[in-house]
PDB file of N, CA and C in Angstrom:
ATOM      1  N   MET A   1       3.069  11.019   4.201  1.00  0.00           N
ATOM      2  CA  MET A   1       1.910  10.506   3.786  1.00  0.00           C
ATOM      3  C   MET A   1       1.388  11.422   2.531  1.00  0.00           C
ATOM      4  N   GLY A   2       1.705  12.503   2.223  1.00  0.00           N
ATOM      5  CA  GLY A   2       1.317  13.452   1.185  1.00  0.00           C
ATOM      6  C   GLY A   2       2.108  12.934  -0.228  1.00  0.00           C
ATOM      7  N   GLN A   3       3.090  12.138  -0.034  1.00  0.00           N
ATOM      8  CA  GLN A   3       4.017  11.934  -1.373  1.00  0.00           C
ATOM      9  C   GLN A   3       3.146  10.898  -2.101  1.00  0.00           C
ATOM     10  N   GLN A   4       3.344  11.135  -3.589  1.00  0.00           N
ATOM     11  CA  GLN A   4       2.834   9.929  -4.212  1.00  0.00           C
ATOM     12  C   GLN A   4       3.723   8.853  -4.213  1.00  0.00           C
ATOM     13  N   VAL A   5       2.797   7.635  -4.385  1.00  0.00           N
ATOM     14  CA  VAL A   5       3.697   6.430  -4.493  1.00  0.00           C
ATOM     15  C   VAL A   5       4.917   6.294  -5.639  1.00  0.00           C
ATOM     16  N   GLY A   6       4.425   6.788  -6.665  1.00  0.00           N
ATOM     17  CA  GLY A   6       5.181   6.687  -7.865  1.00  0.00           C
ATOM     18  C   GLY A   6       6.615   7.591  -7.607  1.00  0.00           C
ATOM     19  N   TYR A   7       6.585   8.725  -6.919  1.00  0.00           N
ATOM     20  CA  TYR A   7       7.747   9.531  -6.282  1.00  0.00           C
ATOM     21  C   TYR A   7       8.651   8.705  -5.380  1.00  0.00           C
ATOM     22  N   LEU A   8       7.946   8.039  -4.588  1.00  0.00           N
ATOM     23  CA  LEU A   8       8.625   7.288  -3.639  1.00  0.00           C
ATOM     24  C   LEU A   8       9.292   6.112  -4.058  1.00  0.00           C
ATOM     25  N   CYS A   9       8.670   5.421  -5.226  1.00  0.00           N
ATOM     26  CA  CYS A   9       9.480   4.350  -5.850  1.00  0.00           C
ATOM     27  C   CYS A   9      10.510   4.904  -7.075  1.00  0.00           C
ATOM     28  N   GLY A  10      10.711   6.215  -7.014  1.00  0.00           N
ATOM     29  CA  GLY A  10      11.681   6.680  -7.989  1.00  0.00           C
ATOM     30  C   GLY A  10      11.162   6.711  -9.440  1.00  0.00           C
ATOM     31  N   PHE A  11      10.138   6.434  -9.805  1.00  0.00           N
ATOM     32  CA  PHE A  11       9.524   6.641 -11.072  1.00  0.00           C
ATOM     33  C   PHE A  11       9.800   7.884 -11.757  1.00  0.00           C
ATOM     34  N   LYS A  12      10.089   8.147 -12.800  1.00  0.00           N
ATOM     35  CA  LYS A  12      10.167   9.118 -13.788  1.00  0.00           C
ATOM     36  C   LYS A  12       9.037   9.908 -13.929  1.00  0.00           C
ATOM     37  N   GLY A  13       8.853  11.119 -13.965  1.00  0.00           N
ATOM     38  CA  GLY A  13       7.610  11.924 -14.159  1.00  0.00           C
ATOM     39  C   GLY A  13       6.902  12.363 -12.635  1.00  0.00           C
ATOM     40  N   PHE A  14       7.478  11.853 -11.505  1.00  0.00           N
ATOM     41  CA  PHE A  14       6.886  12.378 -10.405  1.00  0.00           C
ATOM     42  C   PHE A  14       7.872  13.157  -9.638  1.00  0.00           C
ATOM     43  N   GLU A  15       7.424  14.189  -9.045  1.00  0.00           N
ATOM     44  CA  GLU A  15       8.156  15.172  -8.276  1.00  0.00           C
ATOM     45  C   GLU A  15       7.707  15.164  -6.914  1.00  0.00           C
ATOM     46  N   ARG A  16       8.711  15.619  -5.948  1.00  0.00           N
ATOM     47  CA  ARG A  16       8.285  15.799  -4.451  1.00  0.00           C
ATOM     48  C   ARG A  16       7.182  16.625  -4.232  1.00  0.00           C
ATOM     49  N   SER A  17       6.378  16.370  -3.234  1.00  0.00           N
ATOM     50  CA  SER A  17       5.178  17.034  -3.081  1.00  0.00           C
ATOM     51  C   SER A  17       5.556  17.852  -1.714  1.00  0.00           C
ATOM     52  N   GLU A  18       5.227  19.004  -1.720  1.00  0.00           N
ATOM     53  CA  GLU A  18       5.038  19.749  -0.327  1.00  0.00           C
ATOM     54  C   GLU A  18       3.934  19.342   0.892  1.00  0.00           C
ATOM     55  N   LYS A  19       3.019  18.619   0.096  1.00  0.00           N
ATOM     56  CA  LYS A  19       1.725  18.112   0.977  1.00  0.00           C
ATOM     57  C   LYS A  19       2.532  17.273   2.080  1.00  0.00           C
ATOM     58  N   VAL A  20       1.894  17.390   3.158  1.00  0.00           N
ATOM     59  CA  VAL A  20       2.288  16.485   4.338  1.00  0.00           C
ATOM     60  C   VAL A  20       1.308  15.554   4.415  1.00  0.00           C
ATOM     61  N   GLY A  21       0.216  15.524   4.075  1.00  0.00           N
ATOM     62  CA  GLY A  21      -0.874  14.498   4.364  1.00  0.00           C
ATOM     63  C   GLY A  21      -1.150  14.110   5.756  1.00  0.00           C
ATOM     64  N   GLU A  22      -2.160  13.264   5.686  1.00  0.00           N
ATOM     65  CA  GLU A  22      -2.696  12.971   7.149  1.00  0.00           C
ATOM     66  C   GLU A  22      -2.021  12.169   8.019  1.00  0.00           C
ATOM     67  N   ASP A  23      -1.950  12.273   9.081  1.00  0.00           N
ATOM     68  CA  ASP A  23      -0.989  11.021   9.768  1.00  0.00           C
ATOM     69  C   ASP A  23      -1.896   9.988  10.097  1.00  0.00           C
ATOM     70  N   ILE A  24      -1.082   8.909   9.661  1.00  0.00           N
ATOM     71  CA  ILE A  24      -1.947   7.521   9.565  1.00  0.00           C
ATOM     72  C   ILE A  24      -0.972   6.455  10.351  1.00  0.00           C
ATOM     73  N   ALA A  25      -1.449   5.769  11.062  1.00  0.00           N
ATOM     74  CA  ALA A  25      -0.651   4.913  11.989  1.00  0.00           C
ATOM     75  C   ALA A  25      -0.457   3.560  11.691  1.00  0.00           C
ATOM     76  N   ASP A  26      -1.234   3.266  10.479  1.00  0.00           N
ATOM     77  CA  ASP A  26      -1.314   1.971  10.027  1.00  0.00           C
ATOM     78  C   ASP A  26       0.077   1.481   9.211  1.00  0.00           C
ATOM     79  N   GLU A  27       0.613   0.445   9.562  1.00  0.00           N
ATOM     80  CA  GLU A  27       1.857  -0.122   8.698  1.00  0.00           C
ATOM     81  C   GLU A  27       1.331  -0.672   7.354  1.00  0.00           C
ATOM     82  N   CYS A  28       2.256  -0.433   6.439  1.00  0.00           N
ATOM     83  CA  CYS A  28       1.955  -1.114   5.045  1.00  0.00           C
ATOM     84  C   CYS A  28       3.354  -1.341   4.526  1.00  0.00           C
ATOM     85  N   LEU A  29       3.265  -2.418   3.611  1.00  0.00           N
ATOM     86  CA  LEU A  29       4.278  -2.894   2.713  1.00  0.00           C
ATOM     87  C   LEU A  29       3.894  -2.629   1.410  1.00  0.00           C
ATOM     88  N   ILE A  30       4.852  -1.728   0.798  1.00  0.00           N
ATOM     89  CA  ILE A  30       4.299  -1.260  -0.524  1.00  0.00           C
ATOM     90  C   ILE A  30       5.530  -2.131  -1.591  1.00  0.00           C
ATOM     91  N   PHE A  31       5.201  -2.911  -2.518  1.00  0.00           N
ATOM     92  CA  PHE A  31       6.249  -3.700  -3.252  1.00  0.00           C
ATOM     93  C   PHE A  31       6.117  -3.166  -4.740  1.00  0.00           C
ATOM     94  N   SER A  32       7.339  -2.928  -5.343  1.00  0.00           N
ATOM     95  CA  SER A  32       7.254  -2.223  -6.535  1.00  0.00           C
ATOM     96  C   SER A  32       8.452  -3.124  -7.315  1.00  0.00           C
ATOM     97  N   GLY A  33       7.999  -3.508  -8.626  1.00  0.00           N
ATOM     98  CA  GLY A  33       8.945  -4.040  -9.493  1.00  0.00           C
ATOM     99  C   GLY A  33       9.030  -5.405  -9.437  1.00  0.00           C
ATOM    100  N   ILE A  34       7.832  -5.960  -8.718  1.00  0.00           N
ATOM    101  CA  ILE A  34       7.770  -7.492  -8.374  1.00  0.00           C
ATOM    102  C   ILE A  34       6.515  -8.052  -9.118  1.00  0.00           C
ATOM    103  N   ASP A  35       6.449  -8.991  -9.606  1.00  0.00           N
ATOM    104  CA  ASP A  35       5.203  -9.672 -10.017  1.00  0.00           C
ATOM    105  C   ASP A  35       4.777 -10.467  -8.998  1.00  0.00           C
ATOM    106  N   GLY A  36       3.369 -11.050  -9.240  1.00  0.00           N
ATOM    107  CA  GLY A  36       2.657 -11.682  -8.330  1.00  0.00           C
ATOM    108  C   GLY A  36       3.209 -12.881  -7.873  1.00  0.00           C
ATOM    109  N   ARG A  37       3.736 -13.605  -9.078  1.00  0.00           N
ATOM    110  CA  ARG A  37       4.438 -14.962  -8.804  1.00  0.00           C
ATOM    111  C   ARG A  37       5.695 -14.976  -7.900  1.00  0.00           C
ATOM    112  N   SER A  38       6.448 -13.789  -8.206  1.00  0.00           N
ATOM    113  CA  SER A  38       7.725 -13.524  -7.190  1.00  0.00           C
ATOM    114  C   SER A  38       7.420 -13.305  -5.826  1.00  0.00           C
ATOM    115  N   LEU A  39       6.020 -12.442  -5.770  1.00  0.00           N
ATOM    116  CA  LEU A  39       5.635 -12.156  -4.323  1.00  0.00           C
ATOM    117  C   LEU A  39       5.270 -13.253  -3.530  1.00  0.00           C
ATOM    118  N   ASP A  40       4.331 -14.089  -4.182  1.00  0.00           N
ATOM    119  CA  ASP A  40       3.768 -15.162  -3.180  1.00  0.00           C
ATOM    120  C   ASP A  40       4.977 -15.676  -2.288  1.00  0.00           C
ATOM    121  N   PRO A  41       6.120 -16.234  -2.687  1.00  0.00           N
ATOM    122  CA  PRO A  41       7.062 -16.719  -1.603  1.00  0.00           C
ATOM    123  C   PRO A  41       7.520 -15.761  -0.646  1.00  0.00           C
ATOM    124  N   ILE A  42       7.505 -14.469  -1.026  1.00  0.00           N
ATOM    125  CA  ILE A  42       7.858 -13.302  -0.196  1.00  0.00           C
ATOM    126  C   ILE A  42       6.726 -13.353   1.134  1.00  0.00           C
ATOM    127  N   LEU A  43       5.444 -13.372   0.490  1.00  0.00           N
ATOM    128  CA  LEU A  43       4.280 -13.230   1.472  1.00  0.00           C
ATOM    129  C   LEU A  43       4.291 -14.562   2.463  1.00  0.00           C
ATOM    130  N   LYS A  44       4.463 -15.575   1.757  1.00  0.00           N
ATOM    131  CA  LYS A  44       4.423 -16.790   2.575  1.00  0.00           C
ATOM    132  C   LYS A  44       5.612 -16.792   3.567  1.00  0.00           C
ATOM    133  N   LYS A  45       6.686 -16.369   3.200  1.00  0.00           N
ATOM    134  CA  LYS A  45       7.898 -16.245   4.262  1.00  0.00           C
ATOM    135  C   LYS A  45       7.559 -15.242   5.519  1.00  0.00           C
ATOM    136  N   LEU A  46       7.003 -14.197   5.063  1.00  0.00           N
ATOM    137  CA  LEU A  46       6.453 -13.126   6.038  1.00  0.00           C
ATOM    138  C   LEU A  46       5.225 -13.786   7.087  1.00  0.00           C
ATOM    139  N   ARG A  47       4.500 -14.397   6.634  1.00  0.00           N
ATOM    140  CA  ARG A  47       3.427 -15.248   7.316  1.00  0.00           C
ATOM    141  C   ARG A  47       4.085 -16.112   8.392  1.00  0.00           C
ATOM    142  N   GLU A  48       5.186 -16.910   7.700  1.00  0.00           N
ATOM    143  CA  GLU A  48       5.657 -17.941   8.554  1.00  0.00           C
ATOM    144  C   GLU A  48       6.558 -17.280   9.747  1.00  0.00           C
ATOM    145  N   LYS A  49       7.249 -16.045   9.313  1.00  0.00           N
ATOM    146  CA  LYS A  49       7.916 -15.184  10.378  1.00  0.00           C
ATOM    147  C   LYS A  49       6.930 -14.562  11.620  1.00  0.00           C
ATOM    148  N   GLY A  50       5.685 -14.687  11.234  1.00  0.00           N
ATOM    149  CA  GLY A  50       4.947 -13.994  12.138  1.00  0.00           C
ATOM    150  C   GLY A  50       4.608 -12.570  11.771  1.00  0.00           C
ATOM    151  N   SER A  51       4.645 -12.076  10.527  1.00  0.00           N
ATOM    152  CA  SER A  51       4.661 -10.440  10.344  1.00  0.00           C
ATOM    153  C   SER A  51       3.418 -10.032  10.706  1.00  0.00           C
ATOM    154  N   ALA A  52       3.213  -9.050  11.352  1.00  0.00           N
ATOM    155  CA  ALA A  52       1.809  -8.456  11.635  1.00  0.00           C
ATOM    156  C   ALA A  52       1.371  -7.320  10.799  1.00  0.00           C
ATOM    157  N   VAL A  53       2.149  -7.119   9.700  1.00  0.00           N
ATOM    158  CA  VAL A  53       1.709  -6.259   8.904  1.00  0.00           C
ATOM    159  C   VAL A  53       0.621  -6.595   7.879  1.00  0.00           C
ATOM    160  N   GLU A  54      -0.643  -5.943   8.112  1.00  0.00           N
ATOM    161  CA  GLU A  54      -1.840  -6.677   7.468  1.00  0.00           C
ATOM    162  C   GLU A  54      -1.907  -5.909   6.088  1.00  0.00           C
ATOM    163  N   LEU A  55      -1.497  -4.658   5.927  1.00  0.00           N
ATOM    164  CA  LEU A  55      -1.787  -3.923   4.765  1.00  0.00           C
ATOM    165  C   LEU A  55      -0.498  -4.049   3.580  1.00  0.00           C
ATOM    166  N   LYS A  56      -0.686  -4.622   2.411  1.00  0.00           N
ATOM    167  CA  LYS A  56       0.207  -4.708   1.517  1.00  0.00           C
ATOM    168  C   LYS A  56      -0.497  -4.352   0.250  1.00  0.00           C
ATOM    169  N   ALA A  57       0.651  -3.794  -0.835  1.00  0.00           N
ATOM    170  CA  ALA A  57       0.088  -3.538  -2.150  1.00  0.00           C
ATOM    171  C   ALA A  57       1.135  -3.742  -2.972  1.00  0.00           C
ATOM    172  N   ILE A  58       1.052  -4.038  -4.288  1.00  0.00           N
ATOM    173  CA  ILE A  58       1.871  -3.819  -5.483  1.00  0.00           C
ATOM    174  C   ILE A  58       1.580  -2.386  -6.055  1.00  0.00           C
ATOM    175  N   VAL A  59       2.655  -1.727  -6.464  1.00  0.00           N
ATOM    176  CA  VAL A  59       2.508  -0.597  -7.145  1.00  0.00           C
ATOM    177  C   VAL A  59       2.050  -1.086  -8.663  1.00  0.00           C
ATOM    178  N   THR A  60       1.118  -0.062  -9.010  1.00  0.00           N
ATOM    179  CA  THR A  60       0.340  -0.296 -10.219  1.00  0.00           C
ATOM    180  C   THR A  60       0.308   1.031 -11.166  1.00  0.00           C
ATOM    181  N   ALA A  61      -0.029   0.929 -12.225  1.00  0.00           N
ATOM    182  CA  ALA A  61      -0.169   2.192 -13.041  1.00  0.00           C
ATOM    183  C   ALA A  61      -1.338   3.255 -12.492  1.00  0.00           C
ATOM    184  N   HIS A  62      -2.449   2.510 -11.702  1.00  0.00           N
ATOM    185  CA  HIS A  62      -3.207   3.128 -11.351  1.00  0.00           C
ATOM    186  C   HIS A  62      -2.915   3.746  -9.949  1.00  0.00           C
ATOM    187  N   ASN A  63      -2.339   3.077  -9.136  1.00  0.00           N
ATOM    188  CA  ASN A  63      -2.028   3.717  -7.625  1.00  0.00           C
ATOM    189  C   ASN A  63      -0.745   4.321  -7.329  1.00  0.00           C
ATOM    190  N   GLN A  64       0.041   4.258  -8.691  1.00  0.00           N
ATOM    191  CA  GLN A  64       1.136   5.037  -8.381  1.00  0.00           C
ATOM    192  C   GLN A  64       1.069   6.564  -8.243  1.00  0.00           C
ATOM    193  N   LYS A  65      -0.160   7.072  -8.828  1.00  0.00           N
ATOM    194  CA  LYS A  65      -0.497   8.427  -8.604  1.00  0.00           C
ATOM    195  C   LYS A  65      -1.053   8.902  -7.422  1.00  0.00           C
ATOM    196  N   TRP A  66      -1.360   8.008  -6.855  1.00  0.00           N
ATOM    197  CA  TRP A  66      -2.019   8.164  -5.173  1.00  0.00           C
ATOM    198  C   TRP A  66      -1.151   8.751  -4.180  1.00  0.00           C
ATOM    199  N   ASN A  67      -1.423   9.447  -3.321  1.00  0.00           N
ATOM    200  CA  ASN A  67      -0.269   9.667  -2.220  1.00  0.00           C
ATOM    201  C   ASN A  67      -0.530   8.416  -1.362  1.00  0.00           C
ATOM    202  N   VAL A  68       0.481   8.454  -0.446  1.00  0.00           N
ATOM    203  CA  VAL A  68       0.678   7.058   0.361  1.00  0.00           C
ATOM    204  C   VAL A  68      -0.566   6.980   1.276  1.00  0.00           C
ATOM    205  N   GLY A  69      -1.028   8.334   1.863  1.00  0.00           N
ATOM    206  CA  GLY A  69      -1.876   8.121   2.612  1.00  0.00           C
ATOM    207  C   GLY A  69      -3.273   7.580   2.164  1.00  0.00           C
ATOM    208  N   GLU A  70      -3.705   8.011   0.644  1.00  0.00           N
ATOM    209  CA  GLU A  70      -4.953   7.664   0.064  1.00  0.00           C
ATOM    210  C   GLU A  70      -4.679   6.201  -0.193  1.00  0.00           C
ATOM    211  N   LEU A  71      -3.488   5.444  -0.450  1.00  0.00           N
ATOM    212  CA  LEU A  71      -3.178   4.149  -0.652  1.00  0.00           C
ATOM    213  C   LEU A  71      -3.534   3.293   0.687  1.00  0.00           C
ATOM    214  N   ILE A  72      -3.053   3.702   1.709  1.00  0.00           N
ATOM    215  CA  ILE A  72      -3.338   3.101   3.061  1.00  0.00           C
ATOM    216  C   ILE A  72      -4.831   3.040   3.338  1.00  0.00           C
ATOM    217  N   LYS A  73      -5.501   4.144   3.316  1.00  0.00           N
ATOM    218  CA  LYS A  73      -6.803   4.168   3.499  1.00  0.00           C
ATOM    219  C   LYS A  73      -7.872   3.072   2.506  1.00  0.00           C
ATOM    220  N   GLU A  74      -7.284   3.159   1.415  1.00  0.00           N
ATOM    221  CA  GLU A  74      -7.847   2.203   0.484  1.00  0.00           C
ATOM    222  C   GLU A  74      -7.553   0.760   0.934  1.00  0.00           C
ATOM    223  N   LEU A  75      -6.369   0.380   1.221  1.00  0.00           N
ATOM    224  CA  LEU A  75      -5.925  -0.928   1.649  1.00  0.00           C
ATOM    225  C   LEU A  75      -6.723  -1.082   2.953  1.00  0.00           C
ATOM    226  N   ARG A  76      -6.733  -0.414   3.762  1.00  0.00           N
ATOM    227  CA  ARG A  76      -7.507  -0.447   5.096  1.00  0.00           C
ATOM    228  C   ARG A  76      -9.187  -1.048   4.836  1.00  0.00           C
ATOM    229  N   ARG A  77      -9.799  -0.023   3.997  1.00  0.00           N
ATOM    230  CA  ARG A  77     -10.998  -0.458   3.463  1.00  0.00           C
ATOM    231  C   ARG A  77     -11.215  -1.708   2.830  1.00  0.00           C
ATOM    232  N   GLU A  78     -10.272  -2.116   2.033  1.00  0.00           N
ATOM    233  CA  GLU A  78     -10.307  -3.473   1.396  1.00  0.00           C
ATOM    234  C   GLU A  78     -10.135  -4.690   2.419  1.00  0.00           C
ATOM    235  N   HIS A  79      -9.201  -4.506   3.521  1.00  0.00           N
ATOM    236  CA  HIS A  79      -8.994  -5.515   4.310  1.00  0.00           C
ATOM    237  C   HIS A  79     -10.139  -5.568   5.247  1.00  0.00           C
ATOM    238  N   ILE A  80     -10.548  -4.351   5.591  1.00  0.00           N
ATOM    239  CA  ILE A  80     -11.836  -4.584   6.361  1.00  0.00           C
ATOM    240  C   ILE A  80     -13.018  -5.323   5.640  1.00  0.00           C
ATOM    241  N   TYR A  81     -13.164  -5.101   4.530  1.00  0.00           N
ATOM    242  CA  TYR A  81     -14.263  -5.823   3.668  1.00  0.00           C
ATOM    243  C   TYR A  81     -13.796  -7.100   3.568  1.00  0.00           C
ATOM    244  N   MET A  82     -12.651  -7.535   3.093  1.00  0.00           N
ATOM    245  CA  MET A  82     -12.553  -9.029   2.868  1.00  0.00           C
ATOM    246  C   MET A  82     -12.340  -9.751   4.069  1.00  0.00           C
ATOM    247  N   ASN A  83     -12.317  -9.141   5.338  1.00  0.00           N
ATOM    248  CA  ASN A  83     -12.314  -9.868   6.438  1.00  0.00           C
ATOM    249  C   ASN A  83     -13.696  -9.924   7.254  1.00  0.00           C
ATOM    250  N   GLY A  84     -14.567  -9.597   6.488  1.00  0.00           N
ATOM    251  CA  GLY A  84     -16.042  -9.648   7.093  1.00  0.00           C
ATOM    252  C   GLY A  84     -16.519  -8.316   7.752  1.00  0.00           C
ATOM    253  N   GLY A  85     -15.586  -7.142   7.589  1.00  0.00           N
ATOM    254  CA  GLY A  85     -16.073  -5.929   8.408  1.00  0.00           C
ATOM    255  C   GLY A  85     -17.313  -5.348   7.931  1.00  0.00           C
ATOM    256  N   ASP A  86     -17.482  -4.278   7.993  1.00  0.00           N
ATOM    257  CA  ASP A  86     -18.468  -3.472   7.668  1.00  0.00           C
ATOM    258  C   ASP A  86     -18.539  -3.434   6.139  1.00  0.00           C
ATOM    259  N   ARG A  87     -19.463  -3.924   5.492  1.00  0.00           N
ATOM    260  CA  ARG A  87     -19.576  -3.978   4.031  1.00  0.00           C
ATOM    261  C   ARG A  87     -20.325  -2.633   3.514  1.00  0.00           C
ATOM    262  N   ASP A  88     -20.458  -1.667   4.287  1.00  0.00           N
ATOM    263  CA  ASP A  88     -20.897  -0.574   3.740  1.00  0.00           C
ATOM    264  C   ASP A  88     -19.948   0.617   4.097  1.00  0.00           C
ATOM    265  N   GLU A  89     -18.920   0.362   4.660  1.00  0.00           N
ATOM    266  CA  GLU A  89     -17.817   1.252   5.278  1.00  0.00           C
ATOM    267  C   GLU A  89     -17.200   1.908   3.667  1.00  0.00           C
ATOM    268  N   LYS A  90     -17.156   3.196   3.822  1.00  0.00           N
ATOM    269  CA  LYS A  90     -16.456   4.077   2.613  1.00  0.00           C
ATOM    270  C   LYS A  90     -15.119   4.370   2.889  1.00  0.00           C
TER     271      LYS A  90
END
């Protein structure tokens, strides 16, 4: 959870971190090197097959610097908000 997304994707300029990060139980799919047009059929097929993974992200210039734990926390907040959860949750 302590590794930067960019490091895990093998991007240049990122190095392995010794940070362990917080233990997070959420499952997450992180897509890299794919555009939205190509991603839509993949997401459709996942839904058809009954995938239970709720948290999904595409690596961006912004989030590649985050560690995986930070990304998952943000995805969880967004998922709760978009599904009518606590609008004041931070």
